[in-house]
Amino acid sequence: MTSAAPTDRDTGGSGPKRPAPTHVPARALLAVVIRPRLWRTALRQMRVMAEPGWWHRRPFLPLPAPDYLRFRLQTAYGGDGTTPIEPDDLVGYLRWCRDSA
């Protein structure tokens, strides 16, 4: 039995799925590193958003599930969910999380 390539219907009309980014761009990471008041919030959000059982899978980091990350990037930036996270957006999100807690 052969597997067919995903159709537009399978991928929401956007063609084949491209993988979501699996890392935070260095500029976005630096934007958090230079703001110590956001460190606790960033760690908490990593824990909250981490895919269950992340410690059993490479790269052994508490990363969100790829489909969840793609969805969040699509809702933030539009497109196919592969746009990298902007530093100002990450900082704004973490401030919002901190102030909402």
Protein backbone atom coordinates (compact mmCIF):
# COMPACT_ATOMS: atom_id res chain seq x y z
CA MET A 1 0.00 0.00 0.00
CA THR A 2 1.42 3.39 -0.96
CA SER A 3 0.76 6.58 0.92
CA ALA A 4 -0.50 9.57 -1.00
CA ALA A 5 0.90 13.04 -0.53
CA PRO A 6 -1.26 15.31 1.62
CA THR A 7 -3.96 17.08 -0.32
CA ASP A 8 -5.08 20.69 0.01
CA ARG A 9 -8.04 19.36 1.98
CA ASP A 10 -5.71 17.60 4.45
CA THR A 11 -3.62 20.72 5.01
CA GLY A 12 -6.35 23.34 5.06
CA GLY A 13 -5.81 24.38 1.46
CA SER A 14 -2.24 25.54 1.98
CA GLY A 15 -0.43 22.67 0.27
CA PRO A 16 2.01 20.39 2.07
CA LYS A 17 2.71 21.28 5.69
CA ARG A 18 6.09 22.83 6.37
CA PRO A 19 7.53 22.19 9.80
CA ALA A 20 7.07 24.84 12.44
CA PRO A 21 10.24 26.40 13.79
CA THR A 22 11.65 24.25 16.58
CA HIS A 23 13.83 26.90 18.12
CA VAL A 24 13.60 30.44 19.34
CA PRO A 25 15.68 32.75 17.14
CA ALA A 26 18.81 34.05 18.88
CA ARG A 27 17.50 37.65 18.74
CA ALA A 28 14.31 36.64 20.57
CA LEU A 29 16.25 34.63 23.13
CA LEU A 30 18.60 37.56 23.73
CA ALA A 31 15.59 39.86 24.20
CA VAL A 32 14.56 37.68 27.17
CA VAL A 33 18.07 37.12 28.53
CA ILE A 34 18.64 40.85 28.96
CA ARG A 35 15.39 41.20 30.92
CA PRO A 36 15.88 39.33 34.25
CA ARG A 37 12.37 40.27 35.40
CA LEU A 38 11.01 37.98 32.67
CA TRP A 39 13.18 34.94 33.45
CA ARG A 40 10.77 33.36 35.95
CA THR A 41 7.83 33.93 33.60
CA ALA A 42 9.77 32.49 30.65
CA LEU A 43 10.62 29.35 32.63
CA ARG A 44 7.02 28.98 33.78
CA GLN A 45 5.73 29.33 30.22
CA MET A 46 8.26 26.78 28.97
CA ARG A 47 6.95 24.33 31.56
CA VAL A 48 3.30 25.07 30.78
CA MET A 49 3.70 24.84 27.00
CA ALA A 50 6.11 21.87 26.92
CA GLU A 51 4.90 18.80 25.10
CA PRO A 52 4.09 16.03 27.61
CA GLY A 53 6.97 13.58 27.98
CA TRP A 54 9.47 15.96 26.36
CA TRP A 55 12.31 14.39 28.36
CA HIS A 56 11.83 11.12 26.44
CA ARG A 57 12.40 12.65 22.99
CA ARG A 58 15.28 14.42 21.35
CA PRO A 59 16.32 17.22 21.68
CA PHE A 60 15.37 16.64 25.36
CA LEU A 61 14.16 20.22 25.75
CA PRO A 62 10.77 21.43 27.02
CA LEU A 63 9.50 22.58 23.61
CA PRO A 64 5.84 22.96 22.67
CA ALA A 65 4.32 20.43 20.30
CA PRO A 66 5.12 21.34 16.67
CA ASP A 67 1.43 21.51 15.69
CA TYR A 68 0.66 23.80 18.64
CA LEU A 69 3.59 26.06 17.81
CA ARG A 70 2.54 26.19 14.14
CA PHE A 71 -1.01 27.13 15.19
CA ARG A 72 0.22 29.89 17.50
CA LEU A 73 2.53 31.31 14.80
CA GLN A 74 -0.29 31.19 12.23
CA THR A 75 -2.60 33.12 14.54
CA ALA A 76 0.12 35.65 15.35
CA TYR A 77 1.67 36.21 11.92
CA GLY A 78 -0.62 34.54 9.37
CA GLY A 79 0.79 32.40 6.61
CA ASP A 80 1.77 28.79 7.10
CA GLY A 81 3.08 29.05 10.66
CA THR A 82 6.78 28.99 9.83
CA THR A 83 7.47 32.69 10.46
CA PRO A 84 10.06 33.03 13.25
CA ILE A 85 9.04 34.63 16.53
CA GLU A 86 9.81 38.35 16.67
CA PRO A 87 11.75 39.45 19.78
CA ASP A 88 9.32 42.25 20.65
CA ASP A 89 6.38 39.85 20.36
CA LEU A 90 8.01 37.32 22.67
CA VAL A 91 8.81 39.99 25.26
CA GLY A 92 5.27 41.38 25.00
CA TYR A 93 3.79 37.91 25.42
CA LEU A 94 5.91 37.19 28.49
CA ARG A 95 5.01 40.55 30.04
CA TRP A 96 1.34 39.81 29.41
CA CYS A 97 1.72 36.38 31.06
CA ARG A 98 3.54 37.91 34.04
CA ASP A 99 0.95 40.66 34.51
CA SER A 100 -1.99 38.24 34.08
CA ALA A 101 -0.77 35.77 36.68
